[in-house]
Amino acid sequence: MFNCMVFIMKSQIQIQHLVYAFITVIITVHAFVFYSLYVVEGDDIMRAAGTTSVLQAINSQGGVYMFGSYLPVWLMIIIEMVCAFVLAVTMGSPLAFRLASRKFDPRCNHPMIFESAIITATVCLMCPTMSLLADFFYYPYYQGFDVIDFLCRWFRLICYNLPFAYFSQMFLIQPFVRFAIHRIFPDNIARRNKQNTNKTIIPADETEVIADVIIRESEIAAMD
């Protein structure tokens, strides 16, 4: 019976972790598609299509240039979401947690500081990786392929994407995701609060860090 309960608890935590990654990816990919098409590449897209609207330009050319052809925007979003989700679950979140754990101790630092360190590490890992994939996806292969040009385009994408990724994750996306997780998994949050009553148990992953942040925010709100 005990082993069964432990298995169920671990399964719930794993599901919470996947839901957290999925919600983050959905919002992030849509935000970056808008940012890339309208802010970064908007003028070039309109100039190439001879229109005064990015949406008109995309429709007139039959979609967004990707893999050497033009694909619908919805297909581009799905491809990027799959890549981002796999990278976030397998690389971004686990490595970011380890990097943050090397410099911060959740038993001594405010949970929000620890979570901010994880967000910073995640952005520093995911932004160059996703920018590299974007460079591969959207490279103008019809002009031929040049390694130096490919690397320069990658560096350019990182310079464009890194500030937007950091500030959007820190101040918009992650606060909303924490709010959503709090509403979707209240039992998991309560279980973590009961487990760590004395605030001495080090979180094992980012899921528990988020729970600690939510608990601390609730404690602060109750004091007001």
C-alpha atoms as a PDB file:
ATOM      1  CA  MET A   1       0.000   0.000   0.000  1.00  0.00           C
ATOM      2  CA  PHE A   2       2.783   2.426   0.931  1.00  0.00           C
ATOM      3  CA  ASN A   3       4.675   1.714  -2.286  1.00  0.00           C
ATOM      4  CA  CYS A   4       1.476   2.260  -4.246  1.00  0.00           C
ATOM      5  CA  MET A   5       0.928   5.669  -2.589  1.00  0.00           C
ATOM      6  CA  VAL A   6       4.520   6.682  -3.293  1.00  0.00           C
ATOM      7  CA  PHE A   7       4.107   5.680  -6.946  1.00  0.00           C
ATOM      8  CA  ILE A   8       0.892   7.719  -7.229  1.00  0.00           C
ATOM      9  CA  MET A   9       2.550  10.771  -5.646  1.00  0.00           C
ATOM     10  CA  LYS A  10       5.535  10.529  -7.993  1.00  0.00           C
ATOM     11  CA  SER A  11       3.198  10.156 -10.964  1.00  0.00           C
ATOM     12  CA  GLN A  12       1.267  13.261  -9.921  1.00  0.00           C
ATOM     13  CA  ILE A  13       4.486  15.232  -9.573  1.00  0.00           C
ATOM     14  CA  GLN A  14       5.668  14.054 -12.989  1.00  0.00           C
ATOM     15  CA  ILE A  15       2.330  15.013 -14.533  1.00  0.00           C
ATOM     16  CA  GLN A  16       2.586  18.433 -12.882  1.00  0.00           C
ATOM     17  CA  HIS A  17       6.072  18.846 -14.316  1.00  0.00           C
ATOM     18  CA  LEU A  18       4.865  17.965 -17.824  1.00  0.00           C
ATOM     19  CA  VAL A  19       1.842  20.252 -17.551  1.00  0.00           C
ATOM     20  CA  TYR A  20       4.081  23.066 -16.333  1.00  0.00           C
ATOM     21  CA  ALA A  21       6.403  22.563 -19.319  1.00  0.00           C
ATOM     22  CA  PHE A  22       3.481  22.272 -21.739  1.00  0.00           C
ATOM     23  CA  ILE A  23       1.788  25.499 -20.592  1.00  0.00           C
ATOM     24  CA  THR A  24       5.116  27.328 -20.678  1.00  0.00           C
ATOM     25  CA  VAL A  25       5.863  26.086 -24.196  1.00  0.00           C
ATOM     26  CA  ILE A  26       2.411  26.981 -25.545  1.00  0.00           C
ATOM     27  CA  ILE A  27       2.672  30.586 -24.345  1.00  0.00           C
ATOM     28  CA  THR A  28       6.359  30.994 -25.190  1.00  0.00           C
ATOM     29  CA  VAL A  29       6.125  29.648 -28.742  1.00  0.00           C
ATOM     30  CA  HIS A  30       3.124  31.806 -29.619  1.00  0.00           C
ATOM     31  CA  ALA A  31       4.853  34.858 -28.126  1.00  0.00           C
ATOM     32  CA  PHE A  32       8.028  34.170 -30.095  1.00  0.00           C
ATOM     33  CA  VAL A  33       6.158  33.542 -33.354  1.00  0.00           C
ATOM     34  CA  PHE A  34       4.540  36.960 -33.018  1.00  0.00           C
ATOM     35  CA  TYR A  35       7.844  38.529 -31.971  1.00  0.00           C
ATOM     36  CA  SER A  36       9.774  36.940 -34.844  1.00  0.00           C
ATOM     37  CA  LEU A  37       7.231  37.594 -37.590  1.00  0.00           C
ATOM     38  CA  TYR A  38       6.207  41.105 -36.594  1.00  0.00           C
ATOM     39  CA  VAL A  39       9.146  42.615 -34.726  1.00  0.00           C
ATOM     40  CA  VAL A  40      12.301  40.920 -36.023  1.00  0.00           C
ATOM     41  CA  GLU A  41      11.407  39.893 -39.585  1.00  0.00           C
ATOM     42  CA  GLY A  42       8.279  41.953 -40.196  1.00  0.00           C
ATOM     43  CA  ASP A  43       9.841  44.619 -42.416  1.00  0.00           C
ATOM     44  CA  ASP A  44      11.722  42.064 -44.522  1.00  0.00           C
ATOM     45  CA  ILE A  45       8.599  39.933 -44.993  1.00  0.00           C
ATOM     46  CA  MET A  46       6.519  42.931 -46.099  1.00  0.00           C
ATOM     47  CA  ARG A  47       9.276  44.185 -48.384  1.00  0.00           C
ATOM     48  CA  ALA A  48       9.655  40.799 -50.073  1.00  0.00           C
ATOM     49  CA  ALA A  49       5.900  40.429 -50.615  1.00  0.00           C
ATOM     50  CA  GLY A  50       5.298  44.078 -51.508  1.00  0.00           C
ATOM     51  CA  THR A  51       2.579  44.605 -48.884  1.00  0.00           C
ATOM     52  CA  THR A  52       2.035  46.956 -45.955  1.00  0.00           C
ATOM     53  CA  SER A  53       0.844  44.223 -43.573  1.00  0.00           C
ATOM     54  CA  VAL A  54       2.750  41.221 -42.242  1.00  0.00           C
ATOM     55  CA  LEU A  55      -0.395  39.105 -42.262  1.00  0.00           C
ATOM     56  CA  GLN A  56      -1.108  40.029 -45.878  1.00  0.00           C
ATOM     57  CA  ALA A  57       2.493  39.224 -46.787  1.00  0.00           C
ATOM     58  CA  ILE A  58       2.292  35.790 -45.143  1.00  0.00           C
ATOM     59  CA  ASN A  59      -1.000  35.004 -46.869  1.00  0.00           C
ATOM     60  CA  SER A  60       0.235  36.217 -50.254  1.00  0.00           C
ATOM     61  CA  GLN A  61       3.333  34.002 -50.170  1.00  0.00           C
ATOM     62  CA  GLY A  62       1.402  30.977 -48.958  1.00  0.00           C
ATOM     63  CA  GLY A  63       2.700  30.813 -45.400  1.00  0.00           C
ATOM     64  CA  VAL A  64       6.011  31.194 -43.584  1.00  0.00           C
ATOM     65  CA  TYR A  65       9.311  30.209 -45.178  1.00  0.00           C
ATOM     66  CA  MET A  66      10.575  27.074 -43.416  1.00  0.00           C
ATOM     67  CA  PHE A  67      12.677  24.099 -44.501  1.00  0.00           C
ATOM     68  CA  GLY A  68      13.182  25.671 -47.905  1.00  0.00           C
ATOM     69  CA  SER A  69       9.438  25.988 -48.632  1.00  0.00           C
ATOM     70  CA  TYR A  70       6.382  27.856 -47.350  1.00  0.00           C
ATOM     71  CA  LEU A  71       4.368  26.263 -44.559  1.00  0.00           C
ATOM     72  CA  PRO A  72       1.151  27.401 -42.820  1.00  0.00           C
ATOM     73  CA  VAL A  73       1.683  29.336 -39.597  1.00  0.00           C
ATOM     74  CA  TRP A  74      -0.177  26.696 -37.567  1.00  0.00           C
ATOM     75  CA  LEU A  75       2.193  23.970 -38.791  1.00  0.00           C
ATOM     76  CA  MET A  76       5.216  26.124 -37.966  1.00  0.00           C
ATOM     77  CA  ILE A  77       3.854  26.642 -34.438  1.00  0.00           C
ATOM     78  CA  ILE A  78       3.298  22.897 -33.941  1.00  0.00           C
ATOM     79  CA  ILE A  79       6.839  22.080 -35.098  1.00  0.00           C
ATOM     80  CA  GLU A  80       8.359  24.671 -32.772  1.00  0.00           C
ATOM     81  CA  MET A  81       6.160  23.563 -29.860  1.00  0.00           C
ATOM     82  CA  VAL A  82       7.249  19.931 -30.218  1.00  0.00           C
ATOM     83  CA  CYS A  83      10.928  20.904 -30.366  1.00  0.00           C
ATOM     84  CA  ALA A  84      10.638  23.336 -27.437  1.00  0.00           C
ATOM     85  CA  PHE A  85       8.711  20.856 -25.275  1.00  0.00           C
ATOM     86  CA  VAL A  86      11.210  18.046 -25.813  1.00  0.00           C
ATOM     87  CA  LEU A  87      14.152  20.357 -25.131  1.00  0.00           C
ATOM     88  CA  ALA A  88      12.527  21.862 -22.031  1.00  0.00           C
ATOM     89  CA  VAL A  89      11.730  18.478 -20.458  1.00  0.00           C
ATOM     90  CA  THR A  90      14.985  16.713 -21.340  1.00  0.00           C
ATOM     91  CA  MET A  91      17.523  19.540 -21.176  1.00  0.00           C
ATOM     92  CA  GLY A  92      16.286  22.986 -20.147  1.00  0.00           C
ATOM     93  CA  SER A  93      14.554  22.356 -16.834  1.00  0.00           C
ATOM     94  CA  PRO A  94      16.858  19.627 -15.390  1.00  0.00           C
ATOM     95  CA  LEU A  95      20.111  21.423 -16.279  1.00  0.00           C
ATOM     96  CA  ALA A  96      18.789  24.810 -15.159  1.00  0.00           C
ATOM     97  CA  PHE A  97      17.857  23.330 -11.774  1.00  0.00           C
ATOM     98  CA  ARG A  98      21.350  21.863 -11.359  1.00  0.00           C
ATOM     99  CA  LEU A  99      23.028  25.127 -12.332  1.00  0.00           C
ATOM    100  CA  ALA A 100      20.895  27.124  -9.890  1.00  0.00           C
ATOM    101  CA  SER A 101      21.531  24.582  -7.120  1.00  0.00           C
ATOM    102  CA  ARG A 102      25.284  25.140  -7.433  1.00  0.00           C
ATOM    103  CA  LYS A 103      24.995  28.820  -6.476  1.00  0.00           C
ATOM    104  CA  PHE A 104      21.892  29.019  -4.293  1.00  0.00           C
ATOM    105  CA  ASP A 105      20.602  27.103  -1.279  1.00  0.00           C
ATOM    106  CA  PRO A 106      16.778  27.109  -1.011  1.00  0.00           C
ATOM    107  CA  ARG A 107      17.089  26.633   2.748  1.00  0.00           C
ATOM    108  CA  CYS A 108      18.813  30.012   3.022  1.00  0.00           C
ATOM    109  CA  ASN A 109      17.512  31.975   0.035  1.00  0.00           C
ATOM    110  CA  HIS A 110      13.955  33.108  -0.625  1.00  0.00           C
ATOM    111  CA  PRO A 111      12.241  30.582  -2.951  1.00  0.00           C
ATOM    112  CA  MET A 112      11.622  33.384  -5.465  1.00  0.00           C
ATOM    113  CA  ILE A 113      15.357  34.053  -5.680  1.00  0.00           C
ATOM    114  CA  PHE A 114      16.016  30.380  -6.356  1.00  0.00           C
ATOM    115  CA  GLU A 115      13.233  30.232  -8.952  1.00  0.00           C
ATOM    116  CA  SER A 116      14.585  33.402 -10.597  1.00  0.00           C
ATOM    117  CA  ALA A 117      17.984  31.728 -10.847  1.00  0.00           C
ATOM    118  CA  ILE A 118      16.340  28.702 -12.500  1.00  0.00           C
ATOM    119  CA  ILE A 119      14.486  30.945 -14.969  1.00  0.00           C
ATOM    120  CA  THR A 120      17.719  32.764 -15.819  1.00  0.00           C
ATOM    121  CA  ALA A 121      19.584  29.495 -16.348  1.00  0.00           C
ATOM    122  CA  THR A 122      16.716  28.101 -18.427  1.00  0.00           C
ATOM    123  CA  VAL A 123      16.700  31.135 -20.707  1.00  0.00           C
ATOM    124  CA  CYS A 124      20.481  30.958 -21.094  1.00  0.00           C
ATOM    125  CA  LEU A 125      20.175  27.301 -22.143  1.00  0.00           C
ATOM    126  CA  MET A 126      16.992  27.362 -24.206  1.00  0.00           C
ATOM    127  CA  CYS A 127      17.470  30.644 -26.065  1.00  0.00           C
ATOM    128  CA  PRO A 128      20.708  29.693 -27.891  1.00  0.00           C
ATOM    129  CA  THR A 129      19.384  26.169 -28.529  1.00  0.00           C
ATOM    130  CA  MET A 130      16.025  27.283 -29.954  1.00  0.00           C
ATOM    131  CA  SER A 131      17.766  30.072 -31.904  1.00  0.00           C
ATOM    132  CA  LEU A 132      20.025  27.436 -33.457  1.00  0.00           C
ATOM    133  CA  LEU A 133      16.997  25.372 -34.458  1.00  0.00           C
ATOM    134  CA  ALA A 134      15.286  28.476 -35.838  1.00  0.00           C
ATOM    135  CA  ASP A 135      18.391  29.268 -37.861  1.00  0.00           C
ATOM    136  CA  PHE A 136      18.276  25.743 -39.259  1.00  0.00           C
ATOM    137  CA  PHE A 137      14.522  25.918 -39.940  1.00  0.00           C
ATOM    138  CA  TYR A 138      14.422  29.348 -41.597  1.00  0.00           C
ATOM    139  CA  TYR A 139      17.795  29.583 -43.301  1.00  0.00           C
ATOM    140  CA  PRO A 140      17.417  30.809 -46.941  1.00  0.00           C
ATOM    141  CA  TYR A 141      18.624  27.614 -48.571  1.00  0.00           C
ATOM    142  CA  TYR A 142      17.558  28.924 -51.978  1.00  0.00           C
ATOM    143  CA  GLN A 143      20.562  31.272 -51.806  1.00  0.00           C
ATOM    144  CA  GLY A 144      22.936  28.402 -51.074  1.00  0.00           C
ATOM    145  CA  PHE A 145      24.406  27.400 -47.723  1.00  0.00           C
ATOM    146  CA  ASP A 146      27.398  29.042 -46.052  1.00  0.00           C
ATOM    147  CA  VAL A 147      28.607  27.977 -42.602  1.00  0.00           C
ATOM    148  CA  ILE A 148      29.896  31.430 -41.633  1.00  0.00           C
ATOM    149  CA  ASP A 149      26.615  33.033 -42.666  1.00  0.00           C
ATOM    150  CA  PHE A 150      24.726  30.344 -40.731  1.00  0.00           C
ATOM    151  CA  LEU A 151      26.712  31.082 -37.553  1.00  0.00           C
ATOM    152  CA  CYS A 152      26.312  34.840 -37.973  1.00  0.00           C
ATOM    153  CA  ARG A 153      22.568  34.441 -38.359  1.00  0.00           C
ATOM    154  CA  TRP A 154      22.517  32.280 -35.229  1.00  0.00           C
ATOM    155  CA  PHE A 155      24.374  34.934 -33.223  1.00  0.00           C
ATOM    156  CA  ARG A 156      22.001  37.590 -34.577  1.00  0.00           C
ATOM    157  CA  LEU A 157      18.987  35.558 -33.469  1.00  0.00           C
ATOM    158  CA  ILE A 158      20.447  35.120 -29.979  1.00  0.00           C
ATOM    159  CA  CYS A 159      20.968  38.881 -29.674  1.00  0.00           C
ATOM    160  CA  TYR A 160      17.364  39.504 -30.712  1.00  0.00           C
ATOM    161  CA  ASN A 161      15.781  36.717 -28.698  1.00  0.00           C
ATOM    162  CA  LEU A 162      17.675  36.729 -25.398  1.00  0.00           C
ATOM    163  CA  PRO A 163      16.309  40.020 -23.947  1.00  0.00           C
ATOM    164  CA  PHE A 164      12.758  39.212 -25.010  1.00  0.00           C
ATOM    165  CA  ALA A 165      13.030  35.656 -23.650  1.00  0.00           C
ATOM    166  CA  TYR A 166      14.395  36.771 -20.280  1.00  0.00           C
ATOM    167  CA  PHE A 167      11.971  39.590 -19.531  1.00  0.00           C
ATOM    168  CA  SER A 168       8.898  37.796 -20.882  1.00  0.00           C
ATOM    169  CA  GLN A 169       9.674  34.668 -18.847  1.00  0.00           C
ATOM    170  CA  MET A 170      10.603  36.524 -15.673  1.00  0.00           C
ATOM    171  CA  PHE A 171       7.751  39.024 -15.525  1.00  0.00           C
ATOM    172  CA  LEU A 172       4.909  37.625 -17.662  1.00  0.00           C
ATOM    173  CA  ILE A 173       4.989  33.952 -18.586  1.00  0.00           C
ATOM    174  CA  GLN A 174       6.302  32.305 -15.412  1.00  0.00           C
ATOM    175  CA  PRO A 175       4.050  34.296 -13.024  1.00  0.00           C
ATOM    176  CA  PHE A 176       1.057  33.222 -15.114  1.00  0.00           C
ATOM    177  CA  VAL A 177       2.250  29.588 -15.218  1.00  0.00           C
ATOM    178  CA  ARG A 178       2.661  29.556 -11.437  1.00  0.00           C
ATOM    179  CA  PHE A 179      -0.886  30.919 -11.109  1.00  0.00           C
ATOM    180  CA  ALA A 180      -2.161  28.166 -13.423  1.00  0.00           C
ATOM    181  CA  ILE A 181      -0.254  25.414 -11.599  1.00  0.00           C
ATOM    182  CA  HIS A 182      -1.619  26.649  -8.282  1.00  0.00           C
ATOM    183  CA  ARG A 183      -5.177  26.310  -9.613  1.00  0.00           C
ATOM    184  CA  ILE A 184      -4.652  22.981 -11.414  1.00  0.00           C
ATOM    185  CA  PHE A 185      -2.647  21.142  -8.713  1.00  0.00           C
ATOM    186  CA  PRO A 186      -3.719  22.533  -5.307  1.00  0.00           C
ATOM    187  CA  ASP A 187      -3.318  19.116  -3.660  1.00  0.00           C
ATOM    188  CA  ASN A 188       0.319  18.834  -4.751  1.00  0.00           C
ATOM    189  CA  ILE A 189       1.035  22.323  -3.410  1.00  0.00           C
ATOM    190  CA  ALA A 190      -0.630  21.470  -0.078  1.00  0.00           C
ATOM    191  CA  ARG A 191       1.303  18.188   0.108  1.00  0.00           C
ATOM    192  CA  ARG A 192       4.602  20.010  -0.423  1.00  0.00           C
ATOM    193  CA  ASN A 193       3.663  22.525   2.284  1.00  0.00           C
ATOM    194  CA  LYS A 194       2.892  19.735   4.739  1.00  0.00           C
ATOM    195  CA  GLN A 195       6.056  17.844   3.808  1.00  0.00           C
ATOM    196  CA  ASN A 196       8.280  20.884   4.269  1.00  0.00           C
ATOM    197  CA  THR A 197       6.742  22.495   7.336  1.00  0.00           C
ATOM    198  CA  ASN A 198      10.112  23.554   8.775  1.00  0.00           C
ATOM    199  CA  LYS A 199      11.421  24.789   5.382  1.00  0.00           C
ATOM    200  CA  THR A 200      14.442  22.483   5.673  1.00  0.00           C
ATOM    201  CA  ILE A 201      13.826  19.967   2.878  1.00  0.00           C
ATOM    202  CA  ILE A 202      15.717  20.897  -0.289  1.00  0.00           C
ATOM    203  CA  PRO A 203      13.484  20.763  -3.391  1.00  0.00           C
ATOM    204  CA  ALA A 204      14.317  17.852  -5.669  1.00  0.00           C
ATOM    205  CA  ASP A 205      13.324  19.581  -8.912  1.00  0.00           C
ATOM    206  CA  GLU A 206      11.741  22.737 -10.293  1.00  0.00           C
ATOM    207  CA  THR A 207       8.248  21.417  -9.586  1.00  0.00           C
ATOM    208  CA  GLU A 208       8.931  21.562  -5.857  1.00  0.00           C
ATOM    209  CA  VAL A 209      10.616  24.958  -6.217  1.00  0.00           C
ATOM    210  CA  ILE A 210       7.482  26.335  -7.871  1.00  0.00           C
ATOM    211  CA  ALA A 211       5.398  24.869  -5.056  1.00  0.00           C
ATOM    212  CA  ASP A 212       7.641  26.593  -2.502  1.00  0.00           C
ATOM    213  CA  VAL A 213       7.278  29.910  -4.352  1.00  0.00           C
ATOM    214  CA  ILE A 214       3.481  29.569  -4.428  1.00  0.00           C
ATOM    215  CA  ILE A 215       3.403  28.674  -0.728  1.00  0.00           C
ATOM    216  CA  ARG A 216       5.630  31.637   0.148  1.00  0.00           C
ATOM    217  CA  GLU A 217       3.523  34.007  -1.937  1.00  0.00           C
ATOM    218  CA  SER A 218       0.418  32.786  -0.152  1.00  0.00           C
ATOM    219  CA  GLU A 219       2.100  33.302   3.231  1.00  0.00           C
ATOM    220  CA  ILE A 220       3.076  36.863   2.300  1.00  0.00           C
ATOM    221  CA  ALA A 221      -0.422  37.601   1.004  1.00  0.00           C
ATOM    222  CA  ALA A 222      -1.917  36.322   4.261  1.00  0.00           C
ATOM    223  CA  MET A 223       0.244  38.756   6.243  1.00  0.00           C
ATOM    224  CA  ASP A 224      -1.051  41.819   4.348  1.00  0.00           C
END
